[in-house]
Amino acid sequence: MDERIQRALDSELPADGLTPEERAVHEAGIAGDRKTLRTDSFIPATMAVIYLLILLYFRTIGGYKPVHIKTEEPADRVPAPVA
């Protein structure tokens, strides 16, 4: 790849001194970066909505309630006598 095009892609060269092809590549890079930022901003926004829904769900049921799992004792084990 031509060195000037590579520098334009790396944003080291100002857009003023570029040929039309180099300017197109430079502007396409900027447009792609903006589109990526816009698209990637949906990830934390979606996570925030999900966490808010979880928070509201737990508030409607009265908060978090731990669930205790009861285990059965083995048949050969005799419970200790109560004194």
N, C-alpha and C. Protein backbone atom coordinates (compact mmCIF):
# COMPACT_ATOMS: atom_id res chain seq x y z
N MET A 1 0.85 -1.17 0.00
CA MET A 1 0.00 0.00 0.00
C MET A 1 0.89 1.23 0.00
N ASP A 2 0.43 2.24 -0.70
CA ASP A 2 1.17 3.49 -0.79
C ASP A 2 1.31 4.12 0.60
N GLU A 3 2.47 4.73 0.86
CA GLU A 3 2.75 5.31 2.18
C GLU A 3 1.79 6.45 2.51
N ARG A 4 1.45 7.29 1.52
CA ARG A 4 0.53 8.41 1.78
C ARG A 4 -0.86 7.90 2.15
N ILE A 5 -1.31 6.85 1.49
CA ILE A 5 -2.62 6.28 1.81
C ILE A 5 -2.59 5.69 3.22
N GLN A 6 -1.50 5.01 3.54
CA GLN A 6 -1.38 4.41 4.88
C GLN A 6 -1.40 5.49 5.95
N ARG A 7 -0.68 6.60 5.73
CA ARG A 7 -0.68 7.69 6.70
C ARG A 7 -2.06 8.33 6.79
N ALA A 8 -2.77 8.43 5.66
CA ALA A 8 -4.12 8.99 5.68
C ALA A 8 -5.06 8.09 6.48
N LEU A 9 -4.88 6.79 6.32
CA LEU A 9 -5.69 5.86 7.10
C LEU A 9 -5.38 5.97 8.58
N ASP A 10 -4.14 6.25 8.92
CA ASP A 10 -3.74 6.39 10.31
C ASP A 10 -4.03 7.78 10.85
N SER A 11 -4.63 8.65 10.06
CA SER A 11 -5.00 10.02 10.43
C SER A 11 -3.80 10.87 10.82
N GLU A 12 -2.63 10.56 10.28
CA GLU A 12 -1.45 11.38 10.55
C GLU A 12 -1.36 12.54 9.55
N LEU A 13 -1.98 12.40 8.42
CA LEU A 13 -1.90 13.39 7.36
C LEU A 13 -3.20 14.18 7.33
N PRO A 14 -3.13 15.49 7.35
CA PRO A 14 -4.38 16.26 7.30
C PRO A 14 -5.11 16.02 6.00
N ALA A 15 -6.44 16.14 6.04
CA ALA A 15 -7.26 15.84 4.87
C ALA A 15 -7.10 16.87 3.76
N ASP A 16 -6.43 18.02 4.01
CA ASP A 16 -6.30 19.07 3.01
C ASP A 16 -5.41 18.67 1.84
N GLY A 17 -4.30 17.98 2.09
CA GLY A 17 -3.34 17.70 1.04
C GLY A 17 -3.52 16.34 0.40
N LEU A 18 -4.72 15.82 0.34
CA LEU A 18 -4.95 14.49 -0.20
C LEU A 18 -5.52 14.55 -1.61
N THR A 19 -5.23 13.51 -2.35
CA THR A 19 -5.85 13.36 -3.66
C THR A 19 -7.31 12.94 -3.44
N PRO A 20 -8.15 13.02 -4.47
CA PRO A 20 -9.56 12.62 -4.29
C PRO A 20 -9.73 11.18 -3.79
N GLU A 21 -8.88 10.27 -4.27
CA GLU A 21 -8.98 8.88 -3.81
C GLU A 21 -8.60 8.77 -2.34
N GLU A 22 -7.53 9.47 -1.94
CA GLU A 22 -7.10 9.44 -0.55
C GLU A 22 -8.14 10.10 0.36
N ARG A 23 -8.74 11.19 -0.13
CA ARG A 23 -9.77 11.87 0.64
C ARG A 23 -10.97 10.94 0.86
N ALA A 24 -11.33 10.18 -0.17
CA ALA A 24 -12.45 9.24 -0.06
C ALA A 24 -12.16 8.17 0.98
N VAL A 25 -10.92 7.68 0.97
CA VAL A 25 -10.54 6.67 1.95
C VAL A 25 -10.57 7.26 3.36
N HIS A 26 -10.06 8.47 3.51
CA HIS A 26 -10.03 9.15 4.82
C HIS A 26 -11.45 9.38 5.33
N GLU A 27 -12.34 9.89 4.48
CA GLU A 27 -13.72 10.15 4.89
C GLU A 27 -14.47 8.86 5.18
N ALA A 28 -14.17 7.80 4.44
CA ALA A 28 -14.81 6.51 4.70
C ALA A 28 -14.38 5.97 6.06
N GLY A 29 -13.11 6.19 6.42
CA GLY A 29 -12.63 5.76 7.74
C GLY A 29 -13.34 6.50 8.86
N ILE A 30 -13.50 7.80 8.67
CA ILE A 30 -14.19 8.60 9.69
C ILE A 30 -15.65 8.17 9.81
N ALA A 31 -16.31 7.99 8.67
CA ALA A 31 -17.72 7.57 8.68
C ALA A 31 -17.87 6.20 9.33
N GLY A 32 -16.94 5.30 9.04
CA GLY A 32 -16.99 3.96 9.65
C GLY A 32 -16.79 4.01 11.14
N ASP A 33 -15.88 4.88 11.60
CA ASP A 33 -15.65 5.02 13.04
C ASP A 33 -16.90 5.54 13.74
N ARG A 34 -17.55 6.51 13.14
CA ARG A 34 -18.77 7.07 13.74
C ARG A 34 -19.89 6.05 13.78
N LYS A 35 -20.03 5.28 12.72
CA LYS A 35 -21.08 4.25 12.67
C LYS A 35 -20.81 3.19 13.73
N THR A 36 -19.56 2.82 13.91
CA THR A 36 -19.20 1.83 14.91
C THR A 36 -19.52 2.33 16.31
N LEU A 37 -19.18 3.58 16.61
CA LEU A 37 -19.48 4.14 17.92
C LEU A 37 -20.99 4.18 18.17
N ARG A 38 -21.74 4.56 17.16
CA ARG A 38 -23.20 4.63 17.29
C ARG A 38 -23.76 3.23 17.55
N THR A 39 -23.29 2.25 16.80
CA THR A 39 -23.77 0.88 16.94
C THR A 39 -23.37 0.29 18.29
N ASP A 40 -22.13 0.52 18.69
CA ASP A 40 -21.65 -0.04 19.96
C ASP A 40 -22.29 0.61 21.18
N SER A 41 -22.88 1.78 21.03
CA SER A 41 -23.53 2.43 22.17
C SER A 41 -24.81 1.71 22.57
N PHE A 42 -25.35 0.86 21.70
CA PHE A 42 -26.56 0.13 22.03
C PHE A 42 -26.30 -0.98 23.05
N ILE A 43 -25.10 -1.47 23.14
CA ILE A 43 -24.78 -2.56 24.07
C ILE A 43 -24.97 -2.09 25.52
N PRO A 44 -24.30 -1.01 25.99
CA PRO A 44 -24.52 -0.59 27.37
C PRO A 44 -25.94 -0.07 27.60
N ALA A 45 -26.56 0.52 26.60
CA ALA A 45 -27.94 0.99 26.76
C ALA A 45 -28.88 -0.20 26.98
N THR A 46 -28.69 -1.27 26.24
CA THR A 46 -29.50 -2.47 26.40
C THR A 46 -29.26 -3.10 27.77
N MET A 47 -28.01 -3.14 28.20
CA MET A 47 -27.71 -3.69 29.52
C MET A 47 -28.37 -2.86 30.61
N ALA A 48 -28.38 -1.54 30.49
CA ALA A 48 -29.00 -0.68 31.49
C ALA A 48 -30.50 -0.96 31.57
N VAL A 49 -31.15 -1.15 30.43
CA VAL A 49 -32.58 -1.45 30.42
C VAL A 49 -32.85 -2.80 31.08
N ILE A 50 -32.03 -3.78 30.79
CA ILE A 50 -32.21 -5.12 31.39
C ILE A 50 -32.04 -5.05 32.90
N TYR A 51 -30.99 -4.36 33.39
CA TYR A 51 -30.79 -4.25 34.83
C TYR A 51 -31.93 -3.49 35.49
N LEU A 52 -32.46 -2.49 34.84
CA LEU A 52 -33.59 -1.75 35.38
C LEU A 52 -34.82 -2.66 35.48
N LEU A 53 -35.06 -3.47 34.48
CA LEU A 53 -36.19 -4.40 34.52
C LEU A 53 -36.02 -5.43 35.64
N ILE A 54 -34.80 -5.92 35.84
CA ILE A 54 -34.54 -6.87 36.93
C ILE A 54 -34.79 -6.19 38.28
N LEU A 55 -34.33 -4.95 38.43
CA LEU A 55 -34.55 -4.20 39.67
C LEU A 55 -36.05 -4.02 39.93
N LEU A 56 -36.80 -3.63 38.91
CA LEU A 56 -38.23 -3.45 39.08
C LEU A 56 -38.94 -4.78 39.40
N TYR A 57 -38.50 -5.84 38.78
CA TYR A 57 -39.09 -7.16 39.06
C TYR A 57 -38.90 -7.54 40.52
N PHE A 58 -37.69 -7.39 41.04
CA PHE A 58 -37.45 -7.75 42.44
C PHE A 58 -38.20 -6.85 43.40
N ARG A 59 -38.40 -5.58 43.03
CA ARG A 59 -39.18 -4.68 43.90
C ARG A 59 -40.65 -5.09 43.92
N THR A 60 -41.16 -5.57 42.80
CA THR A 60 -42.57 -5.96 42.77
C THR A 60 -42.83 -7.23 43.57
N ILE A 61 -41.86 -8.10 43.70
CA ILE A 61 -42.08 -9.32 44.48
C ILE A 61 -41.62 -9.15 45.92
N GLY A 62 -41.23 -7.96 46.30
CA GLY A 62 -40.87 -7.70 47.69
C GLY A 62 -39.40 -7.87 47.98
N GLY A 63 -38.57 -7.83 46.98
CA GLY A 63 -37.13 -7.94 47.20
C GLY A 63 -36.63 -9.35 46.94
N TYR A 64 -35.35 -9.48 47.08
CA TYR A 64 -34.72 -10.79 46.86
C TYR A 64 -35.01 -11.67 48.06
N LYS A 65 -35.44 -12.89 47.81
CA LYS A 65 -35.71 -13.84 48.87
C LYS A 65 -34.87 -15.08 48.63
N PRO A 66 -33.98 -15.41 49.58
CA PRO A 66 -33.16 -16.60 49.37
C PRO A 66 -34.00 -17.87 49.39
N VAL A 67 -33.61 -18.82 48.59
CA VAL A 67 -34.31 -20.10 48.52
C VAL A 67 -33.44 -21.12 49.23
N HIS A 68 -34.03 -21.82 50.20
CA HIS A 68 -33.30 -22.85 50.94
C HIS A 68 -33.66 -24.21 50.36
N ILE A 69 -32.65 -24.94 49.96
CA ILE A 69 -32.87 -26.26 49.39
C ILE A 69 -32.71 -27.27 50.51
N LYS A 70 -33.78 -28.03 50.73
CA LYS A 70 -33.77 -29.01 51.81
C LYS A 70 -33.18 -30.31 51.29
N THR A 71 -32.22 -30.84 52.03
CA THR A 71 -31.63 -32.12 51.64
C THR A 71 -32.16 -33.20 52.55
N GLU A 72 -32.34 -34.35 51.99
CA GLU A 72 -32.82 -35.48 52.79
C GLU A 72 -31.63 -36.20 53.41
N GLU A 73 -31.84 -36.69 54.62
CA GLU A 73 -30.77 -37.41 55.30
C GLU A 73 -30.76 -38.85 54.79
N PRO A 74 -29.58 -39.46 54.76
CA PRO A 74 -29.50 -40.85 54.30
C PRO A 74 -30.34 -41.76 55.22
N ALA A 75 -30.87 -42.84 54.66
CA ALA A 75 -31.75 -43.75 55.40
C ALA A 75 -31.00 -44.46 56.53
N ASP A 76 -29.70 -44.72 56.38
CA ASP A 76 -28.97 -45.44 57.41
C ASP A 76 -28.53 -44.53 58.56
N ARG A 77 -28.75 -43.25 58.47
CA ARG A 77 -28.33 -42.31 59.51
C ARG A 77 -29.51 -42.06 60.45
N VAL A 78 -29.27 -42.29 61.73
CA VAL A 78 -30.30 -42.09 62.74
C VAL A 78 -30.10 -40.71 63.35
N PRO A 79 -31.16 -39.89 63.46
CA PRO A 79 -31.00 -38.59 64.04
C PRO A 79 -30.60 -38.67 65.51
N ALA A 80 -29.82 -37.69 65.97
CA ALA A 80 -29.37 -37.66 67.36
C ALA A 80 -30.56 -37.39 68.26
N PRO A 81 -30.57 -38.05 69.45
CA PRO A 81 -31.69 -37.84 70.38
C PRO A 81 -31.69 -36.40 70.91
N VAL A 82 -32.87 -35.88 71.13
CA VAL A 82 -33.01 -34.54 71.65
C VAL A 82 -33.00 -34.62 73.16
N ALA A 83 -32.15 -33.84 73.79
CA ALA A 83 -32.03 -33.92 75.26
C ALA A 83 -32.94 -32.96 75.95
